[in-house]
N, C-alpha and C. Protein backbone atom coordinates (compact mmCIF):
# COMPACT_ATOMS: atom_id res chain seq x y z
N MET A 1 -46.41 -44.43 111.16
CA MET A 1 -45.23 -44.44 111.73
C MET A 1 -45.34 -44.65 113.20
N THR A 2 -46.31 -44.79 113.99
CA THR A 2 -46.34 -44.89 115.16
C THR A 2 -46.45 -46.55 115.44
N LEU A 3 -46.61 -47.23 114.50
CA LEU A 3 -46.74 -48.77 114.20
C LEU A 3 -45.20 -48.98 114.34
N ARG A 4 -44.63 -48.26 113.43
CA ARG A 4 -43.08 -48.81 113.09
C ARG A 4 -42.36 -48.40 114.39
N ILE A 5 -43.05 -47.29 115.48
CA ILE A 5 -41.99 -47.01 116.49
C ILE A 5 -42.45 -48.25 117.51
N ALA A 6 -43.75 -48.51 117.58
CA ALA A 6 -43.77 -49.87 118.33
C ALA A 6 -43.50 -50.75 118.13
N LEU A 7 -43.28 -51.42 117.04
CA LEU A 7 -42.72 -52.61 117.17
C LEU A 7 -41.05 -52.57 117.18
N ILE A 8 -40.48 -51.30 116.36
CA ILE A 8 -38.87 -50.88 117.04
C ILE A 8 -38.64 -51.69 118.67
N SER A 9 -39.75 -50.77 119.57
CA SER A 9 -39.83 -50.85 120.94
C SER A 9 -39.41 -52.48 120.86
N ILE A 10 -40.65 -52.95 120.72
CA ILE A 10 -40.78 -54.50 120.95
C ILE A 10 -39.68 -55.27 120.19
N LEU A 11 -39.05 -54.94 119.27
CA LEU A 11 -37.21 -55.57 118.87
C LEU A 11 -36.69 -55.06 120.11
N ALA A 12 -36.48 -53.77 120.32
CA ALA A 12 -35.35 -53.67 121.32
C ALA A 12 -35.74 -54.45 122.46
N ILE A 13 -36.88 -54.76 122.95
CA ILE A 13 -36.79 -55.70 124.14
C ILE A 13 -36.68 -57.12 123.88
N LEU A 14 -37.09 -57.65 122.77
CA LEU A 14 -36.50 -59.09 122.08
C LEU A 14 -35.19 -59.09 122.01
N ALA A 15 -34.44 -58.10 121.91
CA ALA A 15 -32.92 -57.91 121.37
C ALA A 15 -32.37 -58.42 122.71
N HIS A 16 -32.77 -57.67 123.96
CA HIS A 16 -32.25 -57.46 125.01
C HIS A 16 -32.18 -58.99 125.79
N ALA A 17 -33.65 -59.54 125.46
CA ALA A 17 -33.84 -61.14 126.40
C ALA A 17 -32.69 -62.36 125.77
N ALA A 18 -32.25 -61.97 124.69
CA ALA A 18 -30.81 -62.71 124.41
C ALA A 18 -30.26 -62.37 123.05
N SER A 19 -29.03 -62.75 123.17
CA SER A 19 -28.24 -62.05 121.76
C SER A 19 -28.92 -62.67 120.88
N SER A 20 -29.05 -63.97 120.92
CA SER A 20 -28.89 -64.84 119.57
C SER A 20 -30.63 -64.70 119.17
N GLN A 21 -31.28 -63.88 119.93
CA GLN A 21 -32.77 -63.73 119.38
C GLN A 21 -33.28 -63.42 118.03
N ILE A 22 -33.91 -63.60 117.41
CA ILE A 22 -34.21 -63.56 116.22
C ILE A 22 -35.35 -62.66 116.49
N ALA A 23 -35.50 -62.07 115.67
CA ALA A 23 -36.61 -60.46 115.67
C ALA A 23 -36.69 -60.46 114.32
N GLY A 24 -38.36 -60.16 114.29
CA GLY A 24 -39.18 -59.43 112.96
C GLY A 24 -39.01 -58.25 113.12
N ILE A 25 -38.95 -57.49 111.73
CA ILE A 25 -39.02 -56.22 111.63
C ILE A 25 -39.76 -55.70 110.19
N ARG A 26 -40.35 -54.67 110.29
CA ARG A 26 -41.07 -54.22 108.95
C ARG A 26 -40.33 -53.13 108.21
N LEU A 27 -40.20 -53.14 107.16
CA LEU A 27 -39.30 -52.19 106.33
C LEU A 27 -40.75 -51.11 105.63
N GLY A 28 -39.81 -50.09 105.24
CA GLY A 28 -40.51 -48.68 104.61
C GLY A 28 -41.54 -49.13 103.54
N SER A 29 -41.17 -49.08 102.30
CA SER A 29 -41.98 -48.71 100.97
C SER A 29 -42.00 -50.55 100.42
N ALA A 30 -43.59 -50.61 100.54
CA ALA A 30 -43.89 -51.98 99.94
C ALA A 30 -43.92 -51.50 98.44
N ALA A 31 -43.95 -50.49 98.13
CA ALA A 31 -44.26 -49.97 97.05
C ALA A 31 -43.49 -50.04 95.84
N PHE A 32 -42.34 -51.09 96.01
CA PHE A 32 -41.29 -50.92 95.23
C PHE A 32 -41.76 -51.80 94.04
N ASP A 33 -41.43 -51.51 92.70
CA ASP A 33 -41.68 -52.11 91.23
C ASP A 33 -40.83 -52.79 90.64
N ARG A 34 -41.05 -54.12 90.85
CA ARG A 34 -39.90 -54.74 90.39
C ARG A 34 -39.91 -55.24 89.22
N THR A 35 -41.04 -54.41 88.22
CA THR A 35 -41.00 -55.02 86.83
C THR A 35 -40.10 -53.79 85.85
N GLN A 36 -39.68 -52.89 86.97
CA GLN A 36 -39.14 -51.85 86.48
C GLN A 36 -37.72 -52.56 86.08
N PRO A 37 -36.95 -51.95 85.02
CA PRO A 37 -35.72 -52.29 84.61
C PRO A 37 -34.55 -52.09 85.37
N VAL A 38 -33.47 -53.03 85.33
CA VAL A 38 -32.50 -52.76 86.08
C VAL A 38 -31.19 -52.13 86.05
N GLU A 39 -30.71 -51.13 86.10
CA GLU A 39 -29.69 -50.28 85.46
C GLU A 39 -28.40 -50.68 86.76
N VAL A 40 -27.24 -50.86 85.85
CA VAL A 40 -26.18 -51.53 86.45
C VAL A 40 -24.84 -50.45 85.95
N THR A 41 -24.27 -49.45 86.45
CA THR A 41 -23.11 -49.13 86.33
C THR A 41 -22.01 -49.28 87.04
N ALA A 42 -20.56 -49.44 86.70
CA ALA A 42 -19.21 -49.98 86.98
C ALA A 42 -17.87 -49.42 86.41
N ASP A 43 -16.98 -49.79 87.03
CA ASP A 43 -15.70 -49.49 86.32
C ASP A 43 -15.21 -50.41 85.07
N MET A 44 -15.58 -51.42 85.33
CA MET A 44 -15.26 -52.49 84.33
C MET A 44 -16.54 -53.81 84.51
N LEU A 45 -16.76 -54.68 83.50
CA LEU A 45 -17.89 -55.71 83.32
C LEU A 45 -17.14 -56.68 82.54
N SER A 46 -16.98 -58.23 82.94
CA SER A 46 -16.52 -59.25 82.41
C SER A 46 -18.10 -59.93 82.00
N LEU A 47 -18.15 -60.47 81.31
CA LEU A 47 -19.30 -61.26 80.73
C LEU A 47 -18.97 -62.58 80.40
N ASP A 48 -19.86 -63.81 81.00
CA ASP A 48 -19.50 -65.20 80.55
C ASP A 48 -20.41 -65.65 79.84
N GLN A 49 -20.56 -65.93 78.59
CA GLN A 49 -21.74 -66.51 78.01
C GLN A 49 -22.32 -67.72 78.60
N GLU A 50 -20.90 -68.61 78.55
CA GLU A 50 -21.45 -70.10 79.11
C GLU A 50 -22.14 -70.48 80.68
N SER A 51 -22.05 -69.66 81.32
CA SER A 51 -22.22 -69.69 82.34
C SER A 51 -23.64 -68.83 82.80
N GLY A 52 -23.87 -67.96 81.74
CA GLY A 52 -24.83 -67.05 81.81
C GLY A 52 -25.04 -66.36 83.45
N SER A 53 -23.52 -65.37 83.23
CA SER A 53 -23.38 -64.51 84.27
C SER A 53 -22.10 -63.05 83.70
N ALA A 54 -22.81 -62.12 84.81
CA ALA A 54 -22.02 -61.28 84.36
C ALA A 54 -21.46 -60.63 85.68
N VAL A 55 -19.74 -60.07 85.58
CA VAL A 55 -18.99 -59.41 86.90
C VAL A 55 -18.78 -58.10 86.69
N PHE A 56 -19.50 -57.21 87.35
CA PHE A 56 -19.08 -56.01 87.62
C PHE A 56 -18.15 -55.51 88.63
N ASP A 57 -17.14 -55.01 88.39
CA ASP A 57 -16.23 -54.64 89.28
C ASP A 57 -16.03 -53.04 89.58
N GLY A 58 -15.70 -52.59 90.42
CA GLY A 58 -15.53 -51.23 90.86
C GLY A 58 -16.59 -50.18 90.76
N ASN A 59 -16.69 -49.30 91.91
CA ASN A 59 -17.66 -48.71 92.34
C ASN A 59 -19.01 -48.83 91.32
N VAL A 60 -19.53 -50.09 91.73
CA VAL A 60 -20.87 -50.63 91.35
C VAL A 60 -21.97 -49.77 92.00
N LEU A 61 -22.74 -49.84 90.99
CA LEU A 61 -24.18 -49.16 91.61
C LEU A 61 -25.50 -49.79 90.87
N VAL A 62 -26.23 -50.55 91.30
CA VAL A 62 -27.37 -51.17 91.05
C VAL A 62 -28.62 -50.50 91.31
N VAL A 63 -29.36 -50.16 90.16
CA VAL A 63 -30.74 -49.02 90.52
C VAL A 63 -32.00 -49.92 90.23
N GLN A 64 -32.66 -50.22 90.63
CA GLN A 64 -33.86 -50.68 90.01
C GLN A 64 -35.47 -49.94 91.04
N ASP A 65 -36.15 -49.04 89.94
CA ASP A 65 -36.91 -48.39 90.83
C ASP A 65 -36.75 -47.34 91.72
N THR A 66 -37.41 -47.82 92.77
CA THR A 66 -36.63 -46.78 94.21
C THR A 66 -35.61 -47.32 94.76
N LEU A 67 -35.20 -48.57 94.32
CA LEU A 67 -33.79 -49.32 95.09
C LEU A 67 -32.42 -48.82 94.92
N ARG A 68 -31.50 -48.65 95.34
CA ARG A 68 -30.27 -48.15 95.14
C ARG A 68 -29.27 -49.19 96.06
N LEU A 69 -28.56 -50.01 94.91
CA LEU A 69 -27.26 -51.10 95.78
C LEU A 69 -26.19 -50.53 95.46
N SER A 70 -25.22 -50.39 96.29
CA SER A 70 -23.46 -49.93 95.58
C SER A 70 -22.84 -51.06 96.07
N ALA A 71 -21.79 -51.45 95.75
CA ALA A 71 -20.66 -52.78 96.42
C ALA A 71 -19.79 -52.37 95.60
N GLY A 72 -18.68 -53.38 96.07
CA GLY A 72 -17.09 -53.15 95.23
C GLY A 72 -17.25 -54.37 94.05
N ARG A 73 -17.89 -55.42 94.30
CA ARG A 73 -18.17 -55.89 92.98
C ARG A 73 -19.51 -56.92 93.20
N VAL A 74 -20.20 -56.99 92.05
CA VAL A 74 -21.77 -57.66 91.76
C VAL A 74 -21.56 -58.45 90.68
N LEU A 75 -21.60 -59.92 90.99
CA LEU A 75 -22.00 -61.05 89.54
C LEU A 75 -23.31 -60.90 89.68
N ILE A 76 -23.99 -60.91 88.51
CA ILE A 76 -25.37 -61.17 88.42
C ILE A 76 -25.27 -62.32 87.24
N GLU A 77 -26.52 -62.97 87.67
CA GLU A 77 -26.78 -64.19 87.53
C GLU A 77 -27.89 -64.25 86.42
N TYR A 78 -27.85 -64.59 85.19
CA TYR A 78 -29.10 -64.52 84.14
C TYR A 78 -30.02 -66.01 84.43
N SER A 79 -31.19 -65.74 84.09
CA SER A 79 -32.12 -66.99 84.26
C SER A 79 -32.12 -67.42 82.80
N GLU A 80 -32.69 -68.73 82.28
CA GLU A 80 -32.61 -68.81 81.14
C GLU A 80 -34.68 -68.78 80.91
N GLU A 81 -35.29 -68.64 81.62
CA GLU A 81 -36.18 -68.32 81.69
C GLU A 81 -36.90 -67.18 81.28
N GLY A 82 -35.82 -66.12 81.64
CA GLY A 82 -36.33 -64.77 81.40
C GLY A 82 -35.93 -63.96 83.21
N GLY A 83 -36.58 -64.69 84.26
CA GLY A 83 -36.26 -64.12 85.08
C GLY A 83 -37.20 -63.27 85.61
N GLY A 84 -36.39 -61.94 86.10
CA GLY A 84 -37.30 -60.84 86.53
C GLY A 84 -36.78 -59.96 85.15
N ALA A 85 -36.73 -58.31 85.63
CA ALA A 85 -36.18 -57.22 84.63
C ALA A 85 -35.30 -57.79 84.07
N SER A 86 -35.01 -57.68 82.45
CA SER A 86 -33.93 -58.16 81.90
C SER A 86 -33.34 -59.41 82.18
N GLY A 87 -34.25 -60.31 82.34
CA GLY A 87 -33.95 -61.73 82.34
C GLY A 87 -32.88 -61.86 83.53
N ILE A 88 -32.57 -60.76 84.20
CA ILE A 88 -31.76 -61.09 85.54
C ILE A 88 -32.44 -62.05 87.16
N ALA A 89 -31.75 -62.95 87.06
CA ALA A 89 -32.17 -64.01 88.47
C ALA A 89 -31.74 -63.65 89.60
N ARG A 90 -30.42 -63.29 90.11
CA ARG A 90 -30.00 -62.84 91.20
C ARG A 90 -28.76 -61.90 90.96
N LEU A 91 -28.32 -61.24 92.10
CA LEU A 91 -27.22 -60.10 92.03
C LEU A 91 -26.61 -60.61 93.24
N LEU A 92 -25.36 -60.95 93.17
CA LEU A 92 -24.65 -61.44 94.55
C LEU A 92 -23.52 -60.11 94.40
N ALA A 93 -23.71 -59.30 95.75
CA ALA A 93 -22.73 -58.10 95.82
C ALA A 93 -22.09 -58.65 97.19
N SER A 94 -20.61 -57.91 96.85
CA SER A 94 -19.73 -58.16 97.97
C SER A 94 -18.89 -56.77 98.08
N GLY A 95 -18.00 -56.74 98.94
CA GLY A 95 -17.11 -55.43 99.13
C GLY A 95 -17.90 -54.27 99.76
N GLY A 96 -18.12 -54.74 100.61
CA GLY A 96 -18.87 -52.98 101.27
C GLY A 96 -20.21 -52.94 100.38
N VAL A 97 -21.02 -53.45 100.88
CA VAL A 97 -22.37 -53.31 100.38
C VAL A 97 -23.31 -52.17 100.89
N THR A 98 -23.89 -51.52 100.52
CA THR A 98 -25.37 -50.32 100.84
C THR A 98 -26.29 -50.14 99.96
N PHE A 99 -27.27 -50.67 100.57
CA PHE A 99 -28.86 -50.59 99.99
C PHE A 99 -29.12 -49.61 100.75
N VAL A 100 -30.17 -48.68 99.84
CA VAL A 100 -30.80 -47.72 100.22
C VAL A 100 -32.33 -48.04 99.32
N THR A 101 -33.27 -47.68 100.21
CA THR A 101 -34.85 -47.61 99.61
C THR A 101 -35.54 -46.96 100.55
N GLY A 102 -36.28 -45.53 100.20
CA GLY A 102 -37.07 -45.05 100.95
C GLY A 102 -36.48 -44.18 102.11
N GLY A 103 -36.45 -44.53 103.26
CA GLY A 103 -35.98 -43.68 104.43
C GLY A 103 -34.92 -45.02 105.23
N GLU A 104 -34.66 -45.90 104.80
CA GLU A 104 -34.14 -46.90 105.02
C GLU A 104 -32.89 -47.20 104.14
N ALA A 105 -31.71 -47.75 105.10
CA ALA A 105 -30.37 -47.62 104.66
C ALA A 105 -29.97 -49.42 105.32
N VAL A 106 -29.38 -49.99 104.53
CA VAL A 106 -28.68 -51.31 105.32
C VAL A 106 -27.29 -51.30 104.56
N GLU A 107 -26.41 -51.48 105.74
CA GLU A 107 -24.83 -51.85 105.39
C GLU A 107 -24.53 -53.22 105.81
N ALA A 108 -23.75 -53.85 105.04
CA ALA A 108 -23.29 -55.09 105.21
C ALA A 108 -22.04 -55.58 104.38
N SER A 109 -21.55 -56.35 104.79
CA SER A 109 -20.45 -57.25 103.88
C SER A 109 -20.73 -57.93 102.57
N GLU A 110 -21.74 -58.61 102.63
CA GLU A 110 -22.36 -58.95 101.33
C GLU A 110 -23.56 -58.86 101.27
N ALA A 111 -24.48 -59.45 100.18
CA ALA A 111 -25.86 -59.43 99.74
C ALA A 111 -26.26 -59.80 98.67
N ALA A 112 -27.56 -60.63 98.78
CA ALA A 112 -28.10 -62.07 97.77
C ALA A 112 -29.25 -61.32 97.54
N TYR A 113 -29.69 -60.68 96.10
CA TYR A 113 -31.23 -60.16 95.84
C TYR A 113 -31.48 -61.27 95.18
N THR A 114 -32.30 -62.15 95.03
CA THR A 114 -33.27 -62.91 94.10
C THR A 114 -34.48 -62.29 93.55
N VAL A 115 -34.43 -61.98 92.23
CA VAL A 115 -35.57 -61.07 91.73
C VAL A 115 -36.63 -61.62 91.73
N ALA A 116 -36.79 -62.60 91.34
CA ALA A 116 -38.35 -63.42 91.36
C ALA A 116 -38.90 -63.30 92.46
N SER A 117 -38.02 -63.82 93.47
CA SER A 117 -38.92 -63.73 94.82
C SER A 117 -38.90 -62.38 95.72
N ALA A 118 -38.32 -61.69 95.10
CA ALA A 118 -37.82 -60.44 95.53
C ALA A 118 -37.37 -59.99 97.00
N GLU A 119 -36.57 -60.95 97.37
CA GLU A 119 -35.72 -61.23 98.32
C GLU A 119 -34.35 -60.74 98.49
N VAL A 120 -33.79 -60.07 99.63
CA VAL A 120 -32.43 -59.72 99.99
C VAL A 120 -32.16 -60.19 101.13
N GLN A 121 -30.85 -60.85 101.03
CA GLN A 121 -30.37 -61.37 102.35
C GLN A 121 -28.76 -60.77 102.42
N PHE A 122 -28.70 -60.04 103.65
CA PHE A 122 -27.34 -59.19 103.98
C PHE A 122 -26.72 -60.13 104.89
N THR A 123 -25.51 -60.50 105.05
CA THR A 123 -24.76 -61.13 105.80
C THR A 123 -23.47 -60.03 105.94
N GLY A 124 -23.05 -60.31 107.53
CA GLY A 124 -21.35 -59.45 107.92
C GLY A 124 -22.05 -58.30 108.47
N ASP A 125 -21.65 -58.09 109.59
CA ASP A 125 -21.76 -57.01 109.87
C ASP A 125 -22.91 -55.88 109.74
N VAL A 126 -24.13 -56.59 109.54
CA VAL A 126 -25.38 -55.89 109.23
C VAL A 126 -25.59 -54.87 110.08
N LEU A 127 -26.01 -53.51 109.48
CA LEU A 127 -26.95 -52.65 110.29
C LEU A 127 -27.65 -51.83 109.30
N LEU A 128 -28.90 -51.94 110.08
CA LEU A 128 -30.13 -51.23 109.33
C LEU A 128 -30.55 -49.99 110.06
N THR A 129 -30.36 -48.83 109.38
CA THR A 129 -30.72 -47.98 110.03
C THR A 129 -32.42 -47.17 109.15
N GLN A 130 -32.98 -46.89 110.48
CA GLN A 130 -34.40 -46.48 110.01
C GLN A 130 -34.39 -44.74 110.54
N GLY A 131 -34.42 -44.06 109.69
CA GLY A 131 -34.23 -42.29 110.63
C GLY A 131 -33.26 -42.40 111.55
N ARG A 132 -33.58 -42.28 112.52
CA ARG A 132 -32.46 -42.10 113.86
C ARG A 132 -32.18 -43.25 114.76
N ASN A 133 -32.77 -44.45 114.12
CA ASN A 133 -33.01 -45.78 114.57
C ASN A 133 -32.17 -46.71 114.02
N SER A 134 -31.38 -47.54 114.83
CA SER A 134 -30.81 -48.84 114.08
C SER A 134 -30.91 -49.81 114.44
N ILE A 135 -30.66 -51.19 114.01
CA ILE A 135 -31.07 -52.30 114.27
C ILE A 135 -29.39 -53.07 113.48
N SER A 136 -28.63 -54.03 114.31
CA SER A 136 -27.54 -54.31 113.91
C SER A 136 -27.58 -55.83 113.92
N GLY A 137 -26.98 -56.88 113.45
CA GLY A 137 -26.84 -58.34 113.58
C GLY A 137 -26.23 -58.93 112.61
N ASP A 138 -26.09 -60.24 112.42
CA ASP A 138 -25.31 -61.15 111.58
C ASP A 138 -26.09 -61.41 109.98
N LYS A 139 -27.29 -61.10 110.34
CA LYS A 139 -28.23 -61.72 109.43
C LYS A 139 -29.48 -61.08 108.99
N LEU A 140 -29.52 -60.26 108.10
CA LEU A 140 -30.73 -59.31 107.76
C LEU A 140 -31.36 -60.21 106.09
N THR A 141 -33.00 -60.22 106.69
CA THR A 141 -33.42 -60.97 104.92
C THR A 141 -34.51 -59.84 105.00
N ILE A 142 -34.72 -59.57 103.90
CA ILE A 142 -35.84 -58.58 103.59
C ILE A 142 -36.68 -58.96 102.28
N ASN A 143 -38.08 -59.06 102.34
CA ASN A 143 -38.82 -59.59 101.44
C ASN A 143 -39.27 -58.03 100.98
N LEU A 144 -38.97 -57.33 99.46
CA LEU A 144 -38.85 -56.13 99.15
C LEU A 144 -40.72 -56.10 98.85
N GLU A 145 -41.34 -56.95 98.54
CA GLU A 145 -42.30 -56.93 98.04
C GLU A 145 -43.80 -56.70 99.13
N SER A 146 -43.36 -57.51 100.39
CA SER A 146 -44.20 -57.21 101.65
C SER A 146 -43.67 -56.07 102.37
N GLY A 147 -42.30 -55.80 102.22
CA GLY A 147 -41.64 -54.73 103.03
C GLY A 147 -41.38 -55.45 104.66
N SER A 148 -41.57 -56.80 104.95
CA SER A 148 -41.07 -57.26 106.01
C SER A 148 -39.48 -58.06 106.05
N GLY A 149 -39.23 -57.85 106.90
CA GLY A 149 -37.75 -58.41 107.08
C GLY A 149 -37.37 -59.49 108.59
N ARG A 150 -36.46 -60.10 108.48
CA ARG A 150 -35.96 -60.38 109.55
C ARG A 150 -34.28 -60.76 110.24
N ILE A 151 -34.33 -60.39 111.03
CA ILE A 151 -32.75 -59.96 111.31
C ILE A 151 -32.28 -60.72 112.88
N GLU A 152 -31.22 -61.62 112.65
CA GLU A 152 -30.72 -62.92 113.44
C GLU A 152 -28.92 -62.52 113.78
N GLY A 153 -29.14 -63.00 114.63
CA GLY A 153 -27.66 -63.53 115.65
C GLY A 153 -27.05 -62.04 115.77
N ASN A 154 -26.61 -62.18 117.16
CA ASN A 154 -26.16 -60.61 117.89
C ASN A 154 -26.97 -59.47 117.51
N VAL A 155 -28.13 -59.51 117.85
CA VAL A 155 -29.24 -58.57 117.64
C VAL A 155 -29.02 -57.19 118.43
N ARG A 156 -28.65 -56.00 118.12
CA ARG A 156 -28.63 -54.88 119.20
C ARG A 156 -29.43 -54.07 118.37
N THR A 157 -30.66 -52.67 119.10
CA THR A 157 -31.20 -52.14 118.66
C THR A 157 -30.67 -50.96 119.47
N ILE A 158 -30.77 -49.87 118.80
CA ILE A 158 -30.59 -48.29 119.26
C ILE A 158 -31.45 -47.77 118.86
N LEU A 159 -32.39 -46.90 120.11
CA LEU A 159 -33.73 -46.17 119.74
C LEU A 159 -33.58 -44.90 120.42
N ASN A 160 -33.71 -44.05 119.46
CA ASN A 160 -33.79 -42.90 119.61
C ASN A 160 -35.27 -41.72 119.80
N ARG A 161 -35.54 -41.38 120.95
CA ARG A 161 -36.97 -40.97 120.93
C ARG A 161 -37.05 -39.61 119.95
N GLN A 162 -38.23 -39.59 119.58
CA GLN A 162 -38.71 -38.72 118.45
C GLN A 162 -38.52 -37.44 119.03
N GLY A 163 -37.68 -36.36 118.32
CA GLY A 163 -37.83 -34.69 118.90
C GLY A 163 -36.79 -34.83 119.95
N GLY A 164 -35.72 -35.07 119.90
CA GLY A 164 -34.83 -34.85 120.92
C GLY A 164 -34.73 -35.95 122.08
N ASN A 165 -34.36 -35.12 123.35
CA ASN A 165 -34.15 -35.89 124.59
C ASN A 165 -35.40 -36.27 125.07
């Protein structure tokens, strides 16, 4: 926990140095198991066998192990080689994306999750919340295996001291 607070403090200094500064971040659980099945629920599903894709519309919720992603619309691209869990290669989410894992949450306009690399890229009014602290920017890239990430463009950090004032 102390390492996380120290890193967030360093990020705050970097964010104030320049609004377009690129900063590194460390996210919580690297214990994510991407071999687990992917469950998707939604109001509607459209399948396209020719392109190897599926579109989930309305109240979409994607769950894999400890990860939760919700959005208005999710396009799932399947891999001919089998890709990750259930043959899914990529998920493209739009329409108000919320991504939750452990004690962290990310909100953004859009997200792209590549199963094979365990990488998620969030774009558009990105807000990362870790406990009482938050970081916002234009683009956030997270590697779910290593737990590391990078936020770019108009980076702003809000730090709250632990235990109150």
